Amino acid sequence: MVKKKRGKNNNLIFFSVLAVLVLLSPAALAGKSGFEAGKNPGSFLAYSENGLFRPLGKKNILPPAISADRALAVFVNLDKNTERYLFQNQKNLSAPVASITKLMTAIVAMENYELSDNIVISAGDLDRDPEIGTAGNLSAGEYWTVQDLLSSMLIESSNSAAEALAGKAGRDKFINLMNKKAVALGLTDTRFYNPTGLDIGSGFTNISSPEDLKKIAVYIMKDYPLIAEICSTQEKDLYVQGKFHHKMKSTDVLLEEDGDYIWGKTGYTKEANGCIILISKAPFSGLAEREYVVTVIMGAEGKAGRFEEAARLKSWVEKSFVW
């Protein structure tokens, strides 16, 4: 009778299982993405956080052709409260955000006013910058509701509407509330000096980072769906005190050009250059699933560049991952 060498067999099985586990580990999977540490500084595929669940990064993918100073693409599941970074470039580095500021202006307004509140437009709402009255067509002495001002501010990016909303509480107090809300949301790279995002005189300009802007977008989707709804509007007739005032048209051309985008907000100043935040339905998500991709572009070249870079990043995300 021949004795079986159980010790050797058991050791062989143990080390075979260990080898398989190492190969399937998140670190090992991350190393196959083509974005190993040091090869592409500033870029990151975070499916390595859990390599067994979608979206899975494909092998040997190349980074997207993004020239913007800062960029971010994040897969967000609102029901599970999970996030997965698909691409990032300097996601925690602050820079001017221009009119994306108005998302925080909208949050603070909704937290402190009733939508039906009437606000009388003052001359002070119109004269802070030569270009401040170019969107919204507001005139001193008009009565607008908070909801109408929110619509003008978020759809056509009216600076006068933002100033009117801030003026209701007192401009300095309102800006202080914006910064307090930023702290409450954990926005460590953000500071507000005005409710519009304009670069005015003093050299102070509102700043934020892609990561903080993503946090604002997620907060809006969870707690303020009306803001997201307004930001999804391509065109809308505005009536003030029951009379037709003008037709509002979104500053975000991608909402019309690509039906995958749900909502977004644009920004542009000389200091900020082209900025945009966009929310799209995650590829192949079911209708009942609240899964989205949040895209942030900051510092793109010119007004057209922000749209081109955002569309390029969206295409890269769709092609570079198994959904």
C-alpha atoms as a PDB file:
ATOM      1  CA  MET A   1       0.000   0.000   0.000  1.00  0.00           C
ATOM      2  CA  VAL A   2       1.430   3.331  -1.141  1.00  0.00           C
ATOM      3  CA  LYS A   3       1.094   6.328   1.168  1.00  0.00           C
ATOM      4  CA  LYS A   4      -0.238   9.558  -0.423  1.00  0.00           C
ATOM      5  CA  LYS A   5       1.941  12.603   0.052  1.00  0.00           C
ATOM      6  CA  ARG A   6      -0.812  14.809   1.399  1.00  0.00           C
ATOM      7  CA  GLY A   7       1.549  17.531   2.663  1.00  0.00           C
ATOM      8  CA  LYS A   8       2.942  18.292  -0.785  1.00  0.00           C
ATOM      9  CA  ASN A   9      -0.494  18.199  -2.416  1.00  0.00           C
ATOM     10  CA  ASN A  10      -1.976  20.525   0.194  1.00  0.00           C
ATOM     11  CA  ASN A  11       0.895  22.953  -0.222  1.00  0.00           C
ATOM     12  CA  LEU A  12       0.485  22.889  -4.002  1.00  0.00           C
ATOM     13  CA  ILE A  13      -3.243  23.633  -3.721  1.00  0.00           C
ATOM     14  CA  PHE A  14      -2.618  26.437  -1.211  1.00  0.00           C
ATOM     15  CA  PHE A  15      -0.053  28.223  -3.375  1.00  0.00           C
ATOM     16  CA  SER A  16      -2.153  27.769  -6.532  1.00  0.00           C
ATOM     17  CA  VAL A  17      -5.166  29.407  -4.858  1.00  0.00           C
ATOM     18  CA  LEU A  18      -2.946  32.196  -3.506  1.00  0.00           C
ATOM     19  CA  ALA A  19      -1.579  32.894  -6.990  1.00  0.00           C
ATOM     20  CA  VAL A  20      -5.085  33.159  -8.428  1.00  0.00           C
ATOM     21  CA  LEU A  21      -6.159  35.553  -5.682  1.00  0.00           C
ATOM     22  CA  VAL A  22      -3.133  37.757  -6.315  1.00  0.00           C
ATOM     23  CA  LEU A  23      -3.902  37.868 -10.048  1.00  0.00           C
ATOM     24  CA  LEU A  24      -7.497  38.848  -9.350  1.00  0.00           C
ATOM     25  CA  SER A  25      -6.639  41.505  -6.787  1.00  0.00           C
ATOM     26  CA  PRO A  26      -7.604  45.126  -7.502  1.00  0.00           C
ATOM     27  CA  ALA A  27      -3.945  46.155  -7.583  1.00  0.00           C
ATOM     28  CA  ALA A  28      -3.133  43.527 -10.201  1.00  0.00           C
ATOM     29  CA  LEU A  29      -6.142  44.473 -12.304  1.00  0.00           C
ATOM     30  CA  ALA A  30      -5.233  48.141 -12.052  1.00  0.00           C
ATOM     31  CA  GLY A  31      -1.792  47.352 -13.399  1.00  0.00           C
ATOM     32  CA  LYS A  32      -3.354  45.984 -16.587  1.00  0.00           C
ATOM     33  CA  SER A  33      -5.204  49.158 -17.408  1.00  0.00           C
ATOM     34  CA  GLY A  34      -2.353  50.902 -19.206  1.00  0.00           C
ATOM     35  CA  PHE A  35      -2.366  53.641 -16.545  1.00  0.00           C
ATOM     36  CA  GLU A  36       0.275  52.259 -14.184  1.00  0.00           C
ATOM     37  CA  ALA A  37       1.648  54.676 -11.611  1.00  0.00           C
ATOM     38  CA  GLY A  38       4.147  57.100 -13.074  1.00  0.00           C
ATOM     39  CA  LYS A  39       3.330  56.447 -16.729  1.00  0.00           C
ATOM     40  CA  ASN A  40       0.387  58.835 -16.923  1.00  0.00           C
ATOM     41  CA  PRO A  41       0.588  61.269 -14.002  1.00  0.00           C
ATOM     42  CA  GLY A  42      -2.705  62.979 -13.302  1.00  0.00           C
ATOM     43  CA  SER A  43      -4.817  60.254 -14.903  1.00  0.00           C
ATOM     44  CA  PHE A  44      -6.542  57.501 -12.966  1.00  0.00           C
ATOM     45  CA  LEU A  45      -8.887  54.629 -13.664  1.00  0.00           C
ATOM     46  CA  ALA A  46     -10.561  53.803 -10.392  1.00  0.00           C
ATOM     47  CA  TYR A  47     -12.181  50.544 -11.340  1.00  0.00           C
ATOM     48  CA  SER A  48      -9.154  49.263  -9.430  1.00  0.00           C
ATOM     49  CA  GLU A  49     -11.180  50.080  -6.299  1.00  0.00           C
ATOM     50  CA  ASN A  50     -13.130  46.922  -7.027  1.00  0.00           C
ATOM     51  CA  GLY A  51     -11.868  45.072 -10.063  1.00  0.00           C
ATOM     52  CA  LEU A  52     -14.740  42.578 -10.200  1.00  0.00           C
ATOM     53  CA  PHE A  53     -17.580  45.052 -10.756  1.00  0.00           C
ATOM     54  CA  ARG A  54     -18.531  47.264 -13.666  1.00  0.00           C
ATOM     55  CA  PRO A  55     -17.542  49.497 -15.224  1.00  0.00           C
ATOM     56  CA  LEU A  56     -14.368  47.555 -16.001  1.00  0.00           C
ATOM     57  CA  GLY A  57     -11.480  49.349 -17.686  1.00  0.00           C
ATOM     58  CA  LYS A  58     -10.316  47.716 -20.900  1.00  0.00           C
ATOM     59  CA  LYS A  59      -6.713  46.657 -21.404  1.00  0.00           C
ATOM     60  CA  ASN A  60      -4.111  48.944 -22.934  1.00  0.00           C
ATOM     61  CA  ILE A  61      -6.383  51.934 -23.345  1.00  0.00           C
ATOM     62  CA  LEU A  62      -4.850  55.289 -24.175  1.00  0.00           C
ATOM     63  CA  PRO A  63      -5.680  58.481 -22.248  1.00  0.00           C
ATOM     64  CA  PRO A  64      -8.291  60.794 -23.782  1.00  0.00           C
ATOM     65  CA  ALA A  65      -7.155  63.720 -25.903  1.00  0.00           C
ATOM     66  CA  ILE A  66      -8.075  66.312 -23.293  1.00  0.00           C
ATOM     67  CA  SER A  67      -6.075  69.540 -23.185  1.00  0.00           C
ATOM     68  CA  ALA A  68      -8.175  71.315 -20.529  1.00  0.00           C
ATOM     69  CA  ASP A  69      -6.265  72.253 -17.378  1.00  0.00           C
ATOM     70  CA  ARG A  70      -8.544  70.138 -15.195  1.00  0.00           C
ATOM     71  CA  ALA A  71     -10.988  67.347 -16.005  1.00  0.00           C
ATOM     72  CA  LEU A  72     -12.962  64.622 -14.291  1.00  0.00           C
ATOM     73  CA  ALA A  73     -15.330  61.808 -15.198  1.00  0.00           C
ATOM     74  CA  VAL A  74     -17.050  59.898 -12.377  1.00  0.00           C
ATOM     75  CA  PHE A  75     -19.555  57.039 -12.456  1.00  0.00           C
ATOM     76  CA  VAL A  76     -22.188  57.691  -9.778  1.00  0.00           C
ATOM     77  CA  ASN A  77     -24.887  55.354  -8.472  1.00  0.00           C
ATOM     78  CA  LEU A  78     -27.266  57.456  -6.387  1.00  0.00           C
ATOM     79  CA  ASP A  79     -29.224  54.497  -5.006  1.00  0.00           C
ATOM     80  CA  LYS A  80     -26.137  52.717  -3.705  1.00  0.00           C
ATOM     81  CA  ASN A  81     -24.278  55.929  -2.811  1.00  0.00           C
ATOM     82  CA  THR A  82     -21.227  54.712  -4.711  1.00  0.00           C
ATOM     83  CA  GLU A  83     -18.806  56.498  -7.010  1.00  0.00           C
ATOM     84  CA  ARG A  84     -16.056  55.323  -9.322  1.00  0.00           C
ATOM     85  CA  TYR A  85     -13.527  57.633 -10.922  1.00  0.00           C
ATOM     86  CA  LEU A  86     -13.102  56.911 -14.619  1.00  0.00           C
ATOM     87  CA  PHE A  87     -10.715  59.725 -15.441  1.00  0.00           C
ATOM     88  CA  GLN A  88      -9.149  62.578 -13.562  1.00  0.00           C
ATOM     89  CA  ASN A  89      -6.678  65.325 -14.193  1.00  0.00           C
ATOM     90  CA  GLN A  90      -5.818  67.578 -11.243  1.00  0.00           C
ATOM     91  CA  LYS A  91      -9.176  66.887  -9.649  1.00  0.00           C
ATOM     92  CA  ASN A  92      -8.344  68.666  -6.372  1.00  0.00           C
ATOM     93  CA  LEU A  93      -6.636  71.734  -7.824  1.00  0.00           C
ATOM     94  CA  SER A  94      -8.609  74.981  -7.551  1.00  0.00           C
ATOM     95  CA  ALA A  95      -9.216  77.337 -10.471  1.00  0.00           C
ATOM     96  CA  PRO A  96     -11.819  79.944 -11.483  1.00  0.00           C
ATOM     97  CA  VAL A  97     -15.214  78.393 -12.235  1.00  0.00           C
ATOM     98  CA  ALA A  98     -17.062  81.331 -13.847  1.00  0.00           C
ATOM     99  CA  SER A  99     -20.843  80.806 -14.123  1.00  0.00           C
ATOM    100  CA  ILE A 100     -20.802  77.278 -12.716  1.00  0.00           C
ATOM    101  CA  THR A 101     -20.907  79.349  -9.516  1.00  0.00           C
ATOM    102  CA  LYS A 102     -24.636  79.754 -10.155  1.00  0.00           C
ATOM    103  CA  LEU A 103     -25.329  76.184  -9.076  1.00  0.00           C
ATOM    104  CA  MET A 104     -24.386  77.186  -5.532  1.00  0.00           C
ATOM    105  CA  THR A 105     -26.325  80.439  -5.904  1.00  0.00           C
ATOM    106  CA  ALA A 106     -29.388  78.342  -6.786  1.00  0.00           C
ATOM    107  CA  ILE A 107     -28.890  76.009  -3.809  1.00  0.00           C
ATOM    108  CA  VAL A 108     -28.637  78.868  -1.313  1.00  0.00           C
ATOM    109  CA  ALA A 109     -31.627  80.657  -2.848  1.00  0.00           C
ATOM    110  CA  MET A 110     -33.789  77.550  -2.597  1.00  0.00           C
ATOM    111  CA  GLU A 111     -32.716  76.951   0.997  1.00  0.00           C
ATOM    112  CA  ASN A 112     -33.636  80.493   2.062  1.00  0.00           C
ATOM    113  CA  TYR A 113     -36.528  81.646  -0.140  1.00  0.00           C
ATOM    114  CA  GLU A 114     -39.917  80.434  -1.329  1.00  0.00           C
ATOM    115  CA  LEU A 115     -40.179  79.870  -5.067  1.00  0.00           C
ATOM    116  CA  SER A 116     -43.216  82.154  -5.204  1.00  0.00           C
ATOM    117  CA  ASP A 117     -41.472  85.072  -3.446  1.00  0.00           C
ATOM    118  CA  ASN A 118     -41.444  88.270  -5.506  1.00  0.00           C
ATOM    119  CA  ILE A 119     -38.202  90.211  -5.917  1.00  0.00           C
ATOM    120  CA  VAL A 120     -38.091  93.735  -7.303  1.00  0.00           C
ATOM    121  CA  ILE A 121     -35.158  94.236  -9.657  1.00  0.00           C
ATOM    122  CA  SER A 122     -32.932  97.112  -8.583  1.00  0.00           C
ATOM    123  CA  ALA A 123     -30.469  99.163 -10.593  1.00  0.00           C
ATOM    124  CA  GLY A 124     -27.745  97.654  -8.415  1.00  0.00           C
ATOM    125  CA  ASP A 125     -28.516  94.230  -9.853  1.00  0.00           C
ATOM    126  CA  LEU A 126     -27.673  95.503 -13.319  1.00  0.00           C
ATOM    127  CA  ASP A 127     -24.577  97.686 -13.023  1.00  0.00           C
ATOM    128  CA  ARG A 128     -21.840  95.546 -11.481  1.00  0.00           C
ATOM    129  CA  ASP A 129     -20.248  94.811 -14.847  1.00  0.00           C
ATOM    130  CA  PRO A 130     -20.765  96.189 -18.369  1.00  0.00           C
ATOM    131  CA  GLU A 131     -21.868  92.738 -19.544  1.00  0.00           C
ATOM    132  CA  ILE A 132     -24.065  91.870 -16.593  1.00  0.00           C
ATOM    133  CA  GLY A 133     -27.353  92.664 -18.308  1.00  0.00           C
ATOM    134  CA  THR A 134     -26.710  90.830 -21.581  1.00  0.00           C
ATOM    135  CA  ALA A 135     -28.732  87.749 -20.541  1.00  0.00           C
ATOM    136  CA  GLY A 136     -32.195  87.808 -19.041  1.00  0.00           C
ATOM    137  CA  ASN A 137     -33.181  91.292 -20.204  1.00  0.00           C
ATOM    138  CA  LEU A 138     -33.989  92.362 -16.654  1.00  0.00           C
ATOM    139  CA  SER A 139     -34.993  95.976 -16.027  1.00  0.00           C
ATOM    140  CA  ALA A 140     -35.004  97.956 -12.801  1.00  0.00           C
ATOM    141  CA  GLY A 141     -38.445  98.070 -11.197  1.00  0.00           C
ATOM    142  CA  GLU A 142     -39.659  94.723 -12.579  1.00  0.00           C
ATOM    143  CA  TYR A 143     -41.063  92.100 -10.199  1.00  0.00           C
ATOM    144  CA  TRP A 144     -39.763  88.589 -10.750  1.00  0.00           C
ATOM    145  CA  THR A 145     -40.500  85.460  -8.727  1.00  0.00           C
ATOM    146  CA  VAL A 146     -37.632  83.473  -7.266  1.00  0.00           C
ATOM    147  CA  GLN A 147     -38.466  80.592  -9.606  1.00  0.00           C
ATOM    148  CA  ASP A 148     -38.327  82.848 -12.678  1.00  0.00           C
ATOM    149  CA  LEU A 149     -34.979  84.242 -11.570  1.00  0.00           C
ATOM    150  CA  LEU A 150     -33.673  80.708 -11.043  1.00  0.00           C
ATOM    151  CA  SER A 151     -34.774  79.796 -14.558  1.00  0.00           C
ATOM    152  CA  SER A 152     -33.100  82.810 -16.149  1.00  0.00           C
ATOM    153  CA  MET A 153     -29.936  82.334 -14.111  1.00  0.00           C
ATOM    154  CA  LEU A 154     -29.540  78.619 -14.855  1.00  0.00           C
ATOM    155  CA  ILE A 155     -30.871  78.351 -18.419  1.00  0.00           C
ATOM    156  CA  GLU A 156     -29.420  81.468 -20.045  1.00  0.00           C
ATOM    157  CA  SER A 157     -26.859  82.173 -17.307  1.00  0.00           C
ATOM    158  CA  SER A 158     -28.173  85.634 -16.439  1.00  0.00           C
ATOM    159  CA  ASN A 159     -25.811  87.465 -14.119  1.00  0.00           C
ATOM    160  CA  SER A 160     -28.493  90.015 -13.261  1.00  0.00           C
ATOM    161  CA  ALA A 161     -30.792  87.227 -12.082  1.00  0.00           C
ATOM    162  CA  ALA A 162     -28.016  85.923  -9.815  1.00  0.00           C
ATOM    163  CA  GLU A 163     -27.446  89.390  -8.374  1.00  0.00           C
ATOM    164  CA  ALA A 164     -31.173  89.854  -7.772  1.00  0.00           C
ATOM    165  CA  LEU A 165     -31.376  86.563  -5.889  1.00  0.00           C
ATOM    166  CA  ALA A 166     -28.400  87.504  -3.744  1.00  0.00           C
ATOM    167  CA  GLY A 167     -29.758  90.985  -3.140  1.00  0.00           C
ATOM    168  CA  LYS A 168     -32.961  89.718  -1.564  1.00  0.00           C
ATOM    169  CA  ALA A 169     -31.069  88.511   1.532  1.00  0.00           C
ATOM    170  CA  GLY A 170     -28.366  91.160   1.269  1.00  0.00           C
ATOM    171  CA  ARG A 171     -25.482  90.503  -1.099  1.00  0.00           C
ATOM    172  CA  ASP A 172     -22.727  90.098   1.509  1.00  0.00           C
ATOM    173  CA  LYS A 173     -24.914  87.887   3.697  1.00  0.00           C
ATOM    174  CA  PHE A 174     -25.861  85.736   0.702  1.00  0.00           C
ATOM    175  CA  ILE A 175     -22.217  85.246  -0.333  1.00  0.00           C
ATOM    176  CA  ASN A 176     -21.414  84.292   3.250  1.00  0.00           C
ATOM    177  CA  LEU A 177     -24.195  81.688   3.085  1.00  0.00           C
ATOM    178  CA  MET A 178     -22.662  80.326  -0.130  1.00  0.00           C
ATOM    179  CA  ASN A 179     -19.330  79.817   1.600  1.00  0.00           C
ATOM    180  CA  LYS A 180     -20.958  78.279   4.670  1.00  0.00           C
ATOM    181  CA  LYS A 181     -22.781  75.822   2.414  1.00  0.00           C
ATOM    182  CA  ALA A 182     -19.504  74.984   0.705  1.00  0.00           C
ATOM    183  CA  VAL A 183     -18.006  74.091   4.080  1.00  0.00           C
ATOM    184  CA  ALA A 184     -21.074  72.026   5.010  1.00  0.00           C
ATOM    185  CA  LEU A 185     -20.740  70.037   1.776  1.00  0.00           C
ATOM    186  CA  GLY A 186     -17.051  69.381   2.364  1.00  0.00           C
ATOM    187  CA  LEU A 187     -15.872  71.538  -0.532  1.00  0.00           C
ATOM    188  CA  THR A 188     -12.258  72.015   0.516  1.00  0.00           C
ATOM    189  CA  ASP A 189     -11.079  73.655  -2.724  1.00  0.00           C
ATOM    190  CA  THR A 190     -13.891  76.202  -3.107  1.00  0.00           C
ATOM    191  CA  ARG A 191     -14.311  79.884  -2.286  1.00  0.00           C
ATOM    192  CA  PHE A 192     -17.001  82.349  -3.399  1.00  0.00           C
ATOM    193  CA  TYR A 193     -16.633  86.129  -3.665  1.00  0.00           C
ATOM    194  CA  ASN A 194     -19.757  86.876  -5.725  1.00  0.00           C
ATOM    195  CA  PRO A 195     -22.986  85.113  -6.810  1.00  0.00           C
ATOM    196  CA  THR A 196     -22.260  85.196 -10.561  1.00  0.00           C
ATOM    197  CA  GLY A 197     -18.744  83.890 -11.200  1.00  0.00           C
ATOM    198  CA  LEU A 198     -17.679  87.079 -12.979  1.00  0.00           C
ATOM    199  CA  ASP A 199     -14.148  88.354 -12.550  1.00  0.00           C
ATOM    200  CA  ILE A 200     -14.833  91.867 -11.297  1.00  0.00           C
ATOM    201  CA  GLY A 201     -12.277  94.527 -10.471  1.00  0.00           C
ATOM    202  CA  SER A 202     -10.798  93.529  -7.144  1.00  0.00           C
ATOM    203  CA  GLY A 203      -8.920  90.515  -8.459  1.00  0.00           C
ATOM    204  CA  PHE A 204     -10.988  88.095  -6.402  1.00  0.00           C
ATOM    205  CA  THR A 205     -12.665  85.391  -8.405  1.00  0.00           C
ATOM    206  CA  ASN A 206     -14.709  82.363  -7.394  1.00  0.00           C
ATOM    207  CA  ILE A 207     -12.670  79.166  -7.392  1.00  0.00           C
ATOM    208  CA  SER A 208     -13.355  75.468  -7.113  1.00  0.00           C
ATOM    209  CA  SER A 209     -11.991  72.124  -8.301  1.00  0.00           C
ATOM    210  CA  PRO A 210     -13.391  69.290 -10.431  1.00  0.00           C
ATOM    211  CA  GLU A 211     -13.846  67.180  -7.300  1.00  0.00           C
ATOM    212  CA  ASP A 212     -15.821  69.891  -5.502  1.00  0.00           C
ATOM    213  CA  LEU A 213     -17.980  70.580  -8.556  1.00  0.00           C
ATOM    214  CA  LYS A 214     -18.777  66.878  -8.712  1.00  0.00           C
ATOM    215  CA  LYS A 215     -19.892  67.022  -5.075  1.00  0.00           C
ATOM    216  CA  ILE A 216     -22.195  69.948  -5.876  1.00  0.00           C
ATOM    217  CA  ALA A 217     -23.725  68.043  -8.799  1.00  0.00           C
ATOM    218  CA  VAL A 218     -24.362  64.919  -6.705  1.00  0.00           C
ATOM    219  CA  TYR A 219     -25.902  67.024  -3.924  1.00  0.00           C
ATOM    220  CA  ILE A 220     -28.245  68.681  -6.428  1.00  0.00           C
ATOM    221  CA  MET A 221     -29.319  65.324  -7.869  1.00  0.00           C
ATOM    222  CA  LYS A 222     -30.102  63.982  -4.406  1.00  0.00           C
ATOM    223  CA  ASP A 223     -31.668  67.024  -2.735  1.00  0.00           C
ATOM    224  CA  TYR A 224     -32.639  69.621  -5.354  1.00  0.00           C
ATOM    225  CA  PRO A 225     -34.078  67.929  -8.450  1.00  0.00           C
ATOM    226  CA  LEU A 226     -35.735  71.219  -9.469  1.00  0.00           C
ATOM    227  CA  ILE A 227     -32.300  72.727 -10.104  1.00  0.00           C
ATOM    228  CA  ALA A 228     -31.388  69.738 -12.284  1.00  0.00           C
ATOM    229  CA  GLU A 229     -34.725  70.049 -14.094  1.00  0.00           C
ATOM    230  CA  ILE A 230     -34.149  73.733 -14.840  1.00  0.00           C
ATOM    231  CA  CYS A 231     -30.597  72.992 -16.013  1.00  0.00           C
ATOM    232  CA  SER A 232     -31.991  70.378 -18.422  1.00  0.00           C
ATOM    233  CA  THR A 233     -34.174  72.932 -20.233  1.00  0.00           C
ATOM    234  CA  GLN A 234     -33.086  73.823 -23.754  1.00  0.00           C
ATOM    235  CA  GLU A 235     -35.673  76.533 -24.452  1.00  0.00           C
ATOM    236  CA  LYS A 236     -38.500  78.091 -22.477  1.00  0.00           C
ATOM    237  CA  ASP A 237     -40.812  81.083 -22.754  1.00  0.00           C
ATOM    238  CA  LEU A 238     -40.553  83.322 -19.715  1.00  0.00           C
ATOM    239  CA  TYR A 239     -43.574  85.202 -18.413  1.00  0.00           C
ATOM    240  CA  VAL A 240     -43.118  87.983 -15.867  1.00  0.00           C
ATOM    241  CA  GLN A 241     -46.223  89.135 -13.983  1.00  0.00           C
ATOM    242  CA  GLY A 242     -48.366  87.195 -16.437  1.00  0.00           C
ATOM    243  CA  LYS A 243     -46.887  88.789 -19.559  1.00  0.00           C
ATOM    244  CA  PHE A 244     -44.502  87.246 -22.074  1.00  0.00           C
ATOM    245  CA  HIS A 245     -41.030  88.596 -21.388  1.00  0.00           C
ATOM    246  CA  HIS A 246     -38.676  86.709 -23.685  1.00  0.00           C
ATOM    247  CA  LYS A 247     -37.627  83.227 -24.829  1.00  0.00           C
ATOM    248  CA  MET A 248     -34.819  81.725 -22.770  1.00  0.00           C
ATOM    249  CA  LYS A 249     -32.272  79.513 -24.544  1.00  0.00           C
ATOM    250  CA  SER A 250     -29.722  77.327 -22.804  1.00  0.00           C
ATOM    251  CA  THR A 251     -26.053  78.222 -22.988  1.00  0.00           C
ATOM    252  CA  ASP A 252     -25.294  74.467 -23.071  1.00  0.00           C
ATOM    253  CA  VAL A 253     -25.433  73.451 -26.737  1.00  0.00           C
ATOM    254  CA  LEU A 254     -24.679  69.797 -25.910  1.00  0.00           C
ATOM    255  CA  LEU A 255     -28.136  69.360 -24.370  1.00  0.00           C
ATOM    256  CA  GLU A 256     -29.570  69.770 -27.851  1.00  0.00           C
ATOM    257  CA  GLU A 257     -26.823  67.993 -29.776  1.00  0.00           C
ATOM    258  CA  ASP A 258     -26.606  64.830 -27.644  1.00  0.00           C
ATOM    259  CA  GLY A 259     -29.683  63.269 -26.055  1.00  0.00           C
ATOM    260  CA  ASP A 260     -27.536  61.319 -23.574  1.00  0.00           C
ATOM    261  CA  TYR A 261     -26.931  64.462 -21.561  1.00  0.00           C
ATOM    262  CA  ILE A 262     -29.545  65.046 -18.859  1.00  0.00           C
ATOM    263  CA  TRP A 263     -28.471  68.436 -17.554  1.00  0.00           C
ATOM    264  CA  GLY A 264     -25.490  70.712 -17.222  1.00  0.00           C
ATOM    265  CA  LYS A 265     -24.125  74.186 -16.522  1.00  0.00           C
ATOM    266  CA  THR A 266     -21.605  76.226 -18.470  1.00  0.00           C
ATOM    267  CA  GLY A 267     -19.130  78.905 -17.488  1.00  0.00           C
ATOM    268  CA  TYR A 268     -16.723  81.236 -19.245  1.00  0.00           C
ATOM    269  CA  THR A 269     -14.584  84.214 -18.278  1.00  0.00           C
ATOM    270  CA  LYS A 270     -11.106  85.336 -19.312  1.00  0.00           C
ATOM    271  CA  GLU A 271      -9.709  84.043 -16.027  1.00  0.00           C
ATOM    272  CA  ALA A 272     -11.555  80.715 -16.053  1.00  0.00           C
ATOM    273  CA  ASN A 273     -11.556  80.100 -19.801  1.00  0.00           C
ATOM    274  CA  GLY A 274     -14.121  77.470 -20.845  1.00  0.00           C
ATOM    275  CA  CYS A 275     -15.795  75.436 -18.079  1.00  0.00           C
ATOM    276  CA  ILE A 276     -18.678  72.994 -18.060  1.00  0.00           C
ATOM    277  CA  ILE A 277     -20.257  70.374 -15.828  1.00  0.00           C
ATOM    278  CA  LEU A 278     -22.484  67.736 -17.452  1.00  0.00           C
ATOM    279  CA  ILE A 279     -24.534  64.839 -16.176  1.00  0.00           C
ATOM    280  CA  SER A 280     -25.367  61.974 -18.522  1.00  0.00           C
ATOM    281  CA  LYS A 281     -27.075  58.640 -18.039  1.00  0.00           C
ATOM    282  CA  ALA A 282     -24.493  55.902 -17.564  1.00  0.00           C
ATOM    283  CA  PRO A 283     -24.151  53.664 -20.654  1.00  0.00           C
ATOM    284  CA  PHE A 284     -26.563  50.729 -20.720  1.00  0.00           C
ATOM    285  CA  SER A 285     -28.181  51.607 -17.389  1.00  0.00           C
ATOM    286  CA  GLY A 286     -31.756  50.448 -16.881  1.00  0.00           C
ATOM    287  CA  LEU A 287     -34.508  53.044 -16.774  1.00  0.00           C
ATOM    288  CA  ALA A 288     -35.111  52.374 -13.087  1.00  0.00           C
ATOM    289  CA  GLU A 289     -31.445  52.733 -12.149  1.00  0.00           C
ATOM    290  CA  ARG A 290     -30.112  56.085 -11.005  1.00  0.00           C
ATOM    291  CA  GLU A 291     -26.674  55.653 -12.525  1.00  0.00           C
ATOM    292  CA  TYR A 292     -24.922  58.630 -14.064  1.00  0.00           C
ATOM    293  CA  VAL A 293     -21.607  59.892 -15.359  1.00  0.00           C
ATOM    294  CA  VAL A 294     -20.609  63.317 -14.047  1.00  0.00           C
ATOM    295  CA  THR A 295     -18.196  65.112 -16.379  1.00  0.00           C
ATOM    296  CA  VAL A 296     -16.278  68.245 -15.393  1.00  0.00           C
ATOM    297  CA  ILE A 297     -14.124  70.331 -17.731  1.00  0.00           C
ATOM    298  CA  MET A 298     -12.211  73.377 -16.450  1.00  0.00           C
ATOM    299  CA  GLY A 299      -9.860  75.667 -18.353  1.00  0.00           C
ATOM    300  CA  ALA A 300     -10.725  74.557 -21.886  1.00  0.00           C
ATOM    301  CA  GLU A 301      -9.612  76.822 -24.706  1.00  0.00           C
ATOM    302  CA  GLY A 302     -12.437  79.226 -25.533  1.00  0.00           C
ATOM    303  CA  LYS A 303     -16.196  78.838 -25.356  1.00  0.00           C
ATOM    304  CA  ALA A 304     -16.317  76.134 -28.034  1.00  0.00           C
ATOM    305  CA  GLY A 305     -13.445  74.180 -26.483  1.00  0.00           C
ATOM    306  CA  ARG A 306     -15.414  73.240 -23.363  1.00  0.00           C
ATOM    307  CA  PHE A 307     -18.068  71.477 -25.484  1.00  0.00           C
ATOM    308  CA  GLU A 308     -15.510  69.719 -27.687  1.00  0.00           C
ATOM    309  CA  GLU A 309     -13.503  68.474 -24.701  1.00  0.00           C
ATOM    310  CA  ALA A 310     -16.607  67.285 -22.835  1.00  0.00           C
ATOM    311  CA  ALA A 311     -17.873  65.375 -25.875  1.00  0.00           C
ATOM    312  CA  ARG A 312     -14.427  63.854 -26.389  1.00  0.00           C
ATOM    313  CA  LEU A 313     -14.238  62.692 -22.779  1.00  0.00           C
ATOM    314  CA  LYS A 314     -17.742  61.207 -22.949  1.00  0.00           C
ATOM    315  CA  SER A 315     -16.826  59.220 -26.073  1.00  0.00           C
ATOM    316  CA  TRP A 316     -13.628  57.980 -24.411  1.00  0.00           C
ATOM    317  CA  VAL A 317     -15.527  56.838 -21.297  1.00  0.00           C
ATOM    318  CA  GLU A 318     -18.019  54.866 -23.391  1.00  0.00           C
ATOM    319  CA  LYS A 319     -15.308  53.119 -25.408  1.00  0.00           C
ATOM    320  CA  SER A 320     -12.729  52.529 -22.673  1.00  0.00           C
ATOM    321  CA  PHE A 321     -14.879  50.593 -20.215  1.00  0.00           C
ATOM    322  CA  VAL A 322     -16.987  47.441 -20.222  1.00  0.00           C
ATOM    323  CA  TRP A 323     -20.402  48.567 -19.024  1.00  0.00           C
END
